[in-house]
Amino acid sequence: MPWINQLDPKREPDLHRMVQHAETTWKDVLGSCPDQVEAVWRTEVEQGPAGPRPLLLLRLTDRVTGRSIPEERFAPWDFGDDERLFDRLHRIWGKLLQASTHAHLERLNELIGQIPED
């Protein structure tokens, strides 16, 4: 499973550990499909009313169809509850599966259209 953690462990050690922890949960979510998905994590700083706060962004890409879904944003507290993290990653996985299914159906329709009529 391509799990790409773009966080610098020296500059962002706490956020880096959160992503490492999420990897274990992610493997549980994917089950038997770990090589099908590329997960890329990066950070972003959001300016809020209380000042800047770090966010983690996750981008998933189906390696079979090449389809991706928009980046999902995680706050540090999203990693504090394993059940909530599992549910969130599971929903994101579902979004990617839906996008991938549409890609497969589009391709199938293309192939069906190429079948000569008798």
C-alpha atoms as a PDB file:
ATOM      1  CA  MET A   1       0.000   0.000   0.000  1.00  0.00           C
ATOM      2  CA  PRO A   2       1.528   3.277  -0.997  1.00  0.00           C
ATOM      3  CA  TRP A   3       1.183   5.304   2.189  1.00  0.00           C
ATOM      4  CA  ILE A   4       3.032   8.561   1.671  1.00  0.00           C
ATOM      5  CA  ASN A   5       3.648  10.708   4.711  1.00  0.00           C
ATOM      6  CA  GLN A   6       4.983  14.051   3.485  1.00  0.00           C
ATOM      7  CA  LEU A   7       5.340  15.425   7.011  1.00  0.00           C
ATOM      8  CA  ASP A   8       8.778  16.171   8.344  1.00  0.00           C
ATOM      9  CA  PRO A   9       9.206  14.162  11.582  1.00  0.00           C
ATOM     10  CA  LYS A  10      11.702  16.723  12.882  1.00  0.00           C
ATOM     11  CA  ARG A  11       9.571  19.808  12.193  1.00  0.00           C
ATOM     12  CA  GLU A  12       6.164  18.235  12.896  1.00  0.00           C
ATOM     13  CA  PRO A  13       6.778  15.261  15.206  1.00  0.00           C
ATOM     14  CA  ASP A  14       3.285  15.168  16.733  1.00  0.00           C
ATOM     15  CA  LEU A  15       1.491  15.393  13.399  1.00  0.00           C
ATOM     16  CA  HIS A  16       3.877  12.838  11.911  1.00  0.00           C
ATOM     17  CA  ARG A  17       3.020  10.385  14.711  1.00  0.00           C
ATOM     18  CA  MET A  18      -0.698  10.949  14.129  1.00  0.00           C
ATOM     19  CA  VAL A  19      -0.334   9.951  10.489  1.00  0.00           C
ATOM     20  CA  GLN A  20       1.700   6.892  11.462  1.00  0.00           C
ATOM     21  CA  HIS A  21      -1.053   5.907  13.910  1.00  0.00           C
ATOM     22  CA  ALA A  22      -3.696   6.404  11.199  1.00  0.00           C
ATOM     23  CA  GLU A  23      -1.817   3.991   8.933  1.00  0.00           C
ATOM     24  CA  THR A  24      -2.703   1.063  11.205  1.00  0.00           C
ATOM     25  CA  THR A  25      -6.369   2.053  11.137  1.00  0.00           C
ATOM     26  CA  TRP A  26      -6.205   2.538   7.369  1.00  0.00           C
ATOM     27  CA  LYS A  27      -4.957  -1.027   6.894  1.00  0.00           C
ATOM     28  CA  ASP A  28      -8.006  -2.250   8.834  1.00  0.00           C
ATOM     29  CA  VAL A  29     -10.303  -0.190   6.603  1.00  0.00           C
ATOM     30  CA  LEU A  30      -8.786  -1.447   3.348  1.00  0.00           C
ATOM     31  CA  GLY A  31      -8.742  -5.104   4.273  1.00  0.00           C
ATOM     32  CA  SER A  32      -7.744  -7.111   1.208  1.00  0.00           C
ATOM     33  CA  CYS A  33      -7.208  -4.110  -1.128  1.00  0.00           C
ATOM     34  CA  PRO A  34      -4.068  -2.426   0.236  1.00  0.00           C
ATOM     35  CA  ASP A  35      -2.204  -2.206  -3.063  1.00  0.00           C
ATOM     36  CA  GLN A  36      -5.122  -0.602  -4.891  1.00  0.00           C
ATOM     37  CA  VAL A  37      -4.924   2.764  -3.113  1.00  0.00           C
ATOM     38  CA  GLU A  38      -2.336   5.483  -2.784  1.00  0.00           C
ATOM     39  CA  ALA A  39      -2.729   7.666   0.319  1.00  0.00           C
ATOM     40  CA  VAL A  40      -0.787  10.934   0.517  1.00  0.00           C
ATOM     41  CA  TRP A  41      -0.716  13.037   3.685  1.00  0.00           C
ATOM     42  CA  ARG A  42       0.457  16.620   3.904  1.00  0.00           C
ATOM     43  CA  THR A  43      -0.021  19.572   6.253  1.00  0.00           C
ATOM     44  CA  GLU A  44      -1.600  22.941   5.906  1.00  0.00           C
ATOM     45  CA  VAL A  45      -2.013  25.799   8.351  1.00  0.00           C
ATOM     46  CA  GLU A  46      -5.501  27.250   8.633  1.00  0.00           C
ATOM     47  CA  GLN A  47      -6.074  30.743   9.959  1.00  0.00           C
ATOM     48  CA  GLY A  48      -8.933  30.643  12.432  1.00  0.00           C
ATOM     49  CA  PRO A  49     -10.411  33.104  14.920  1.00  0.00           C
ATOM     50  CA  ALA A  50      -8.107  31.749  17.631  1.00  0.00           C
ATOM     51  CA  GLY A  51      -5.060  31.988  15.362  1.00  0.00           C
ATOM     52  CA  PRO A  52      -3.312  29.503  13.105  1.00  0.00           C
ATOM     53  CA  ARG A  53      -3.918  25.784  13.530  1.00  0.00           C
ATOM     54  CA  PRO A  54      -2.368  22.827  11.751  1.00  0.00           C
ATOM     55  CA  LEU A  55      -4.469  20.580   9.570  1.00  0.00           C
ATOM     56  CA  LEU A  56      -3.615  17.266   7.966  1.00  0.00           C
ATOM     57  CA  LEU A  57      -4.817  16.690   4.432  1.00  0.00           C
ATOM     58  CA  LEU A  58      -5.336  13.253   2.935  1.00  0.00           C
ATOM     59  CA  ARG A  59      -5.590  12.572  -0.781  1.00  0.00           C
ATOM     60  CA  LEU A  60      -6.601   9.124  -1.991  1.00  0.00           C
ATOM     61  CA  THR A  61      -6.050   7.800  -5.485  1.00  0.00           C
ATOM     62  CA  ASP A  62      -7.227   4.495  -6.905  1.00  0.00           C
ATOM     63  CA  ARG A  63      -4.151   3.066  -8.584  1.00  0.00           C
ATOM     64  CA  VAL A  64      -6.251   0.922 -10.958  1.00  0.00           C
ATOM     65  CA  THR A  65      -8.481   3.656 -12.413  1.00  0.00           C
ATOM     66  CA  GLY A  66      -6.368   6.701 -11.584  1.00  0.00           C
ATOM     67  CA  ARG A  67      -9.384   8.346  -9.957  1.00  0.00           C
ATOM     68  CA  SER A  68      -8.881  10.569  -6.932  1.00  0.00           C
ATOM     69  CA  ILE A  69     -11.237  12.261  -4.549  1.00  0.00           C
ATOM     70  CA  PRO A  70     -10.838  15.779  -3.169  1.00  0.00           C
ATOM     71  CA  GLU A  71      -8.477  16.059  -0.221  1.00  0.00           C
ATOM     72  CA  GLU A  72     -10.010  15.408   3.162  1.00  0.00           C
ATOM     73  CA  ARG A  73      -9.035  17.692   6.027  1.00  0.00           C
ATOM     74  CA  PHE A  74      -8.256  16.380   9.490  1.00  0.00           C
ATOM     75  CA  ALA A  75      -7.644  18.354  12.666  1.00  0.00           C
ATOM     76  CA  PRO A  76      -5.285  16.905  15.275  1.00  0.00           C
ATOM     77  CA  TRP A  77      -8.219  15.977  17.544  1.00  0.00           C
ATOM     78  CA  ASP A  78      -9.616  13.723  14.801  1.00  0.00           C
ATOM     79  CA  PHE A  79      -6.861  11.255  15.691  1.00  0.00           C
ATOM     80  CA  GLY A  80      -7.744  11.041  19.388  1.00  0.00           C
ATOM     81  CA  ASP A  81     -10.621   8.577  19.030  1.00  0.00           C
ATOM     82  CA  ASP A  82      -9.774   5.355  17.167  1.00  0.00           C
ATOM     83  CA  GLU A  83     -13.413   4.483  16.460  1.00  0.00           C
ATOM     84  CA  ARG A  84     -14.118   7.925  15.030  1.00  0.00           C
ATOM     85  CA  LEU A  85     -10.937   7.787  12.951  1.00  0.00           C
ATOM     86  CA  PHE A  86     -11.908   4.358  11.595  1.00  0.00           C
ATOM     87  CA  ASP A  87     -15.401   5.608  10.685  1.00  0.00           C
ATOM     88  CA  ARG A  88     -14.010   8.695   8.969  1.00  0.00           C
ATOM     89  CA  LEU A  89     -11.440   6.734   6.956  1.00  0.00           C
ATOM     90  CA  HIS A  90     -14.117   4.190   6.068  1.00  0.00           C
ATOM     91  CA  ARG A  91     -16.383   6.939   4.668  1.00  0.00           C
ATOM     92  CA  ILE A  92     -13.491   8.362   2.654  1.00  0.00           C
ATOM     93  CA  TRP A  93     -12.709   4.876   1.310  1.00  0.00           C
ATOM     94  CA  GLY A  94     -16.371   4.623   0.288  1.00  0.00           C
ATOM     95  CA  LYS A  95     -16.114   7.876  -1.669  1.00  0.00           C
ATOM     96  CA  LEU A  96     -13.089   6.553  -3.526  1.00  0.00           C
ATOM     97  CA  LEU A  97     -14.826   3.249  -4.258  1.00  0.00           C
ATOM     98  CA  GLN A  98     -17.777   5.150  -5.682  1.00  0.00           C
ATOM     99  CA  ALA A  99     -15.512   7.243  -7.934  1.00  0.00           C
ATOM    100  CA  SER A 100     -13.666   4.102  -9.038  1.00  0.00           C
ATOM    101  CA  THR A 101     -16.888   2.249  -9.756  1.00  0.00           C
ATOM    102  CA  HIS A 102     -18.030   5.097 -12.004  1.00  0.00           C
ATOM    103  CA  ALA A 103     -14.701   4.902 -13.862  1.00  0.00           C
ATOM    104  CA  HIS A 104     -15.130   1.148 -14.361  1.00  0.00           C
ATOM    105  CA  LEU A 105     -18.701   1.615 -15.601  1.00  0.00           C
ATOM    106  CA  GLU A 106     -17.618   4.329 -18.034  1.00  0.00           C
ATOM    107  CA  ARG A 107     -14.934   2.030 -19.412  1.00  0.00           C
ATOM    108  CA  LEU A 108     -17.373  -0.872 -19.652  1.00  0.00           C
ATOM    109  CA  ASN A 109     -19.831   1.296 -21.597  1.00  0.00           C
ATOM    110  CA  GLU A 110     -17.009   2.303 -23.971  1.00  0.00           C
ATOM    111  CA  LEU A 111     -16.125  -1.341 -24.557  1.00  0.00           C
ATOM    112  CA  ILE A 112     -19.753  -2.321 -25.086  1.00  0.00           C
ATOM    113  CA  GLY A 113     -20.052   0.454 -27.659  1.00  0.00           C
ATOM    114  CA  GLN A 114     -17.148  -1.061 -29.586  1.00  0.00           C
ATOM    115  CA  ILE A 115     -18.854  -4.445 -30.015  1.00  0.00           C
ATOM    116  CA  PRO A 116     -20.024  -4.779 -33.626  1.00  0.00           C
ATOM    117  CA  GLU A 117     -23.706  -5.355 -34.072  1.00  0.00           C
ATOM    118  CA  ASP A 118     -24.668  -8.445 -36.023  1.00  0.00           C
END
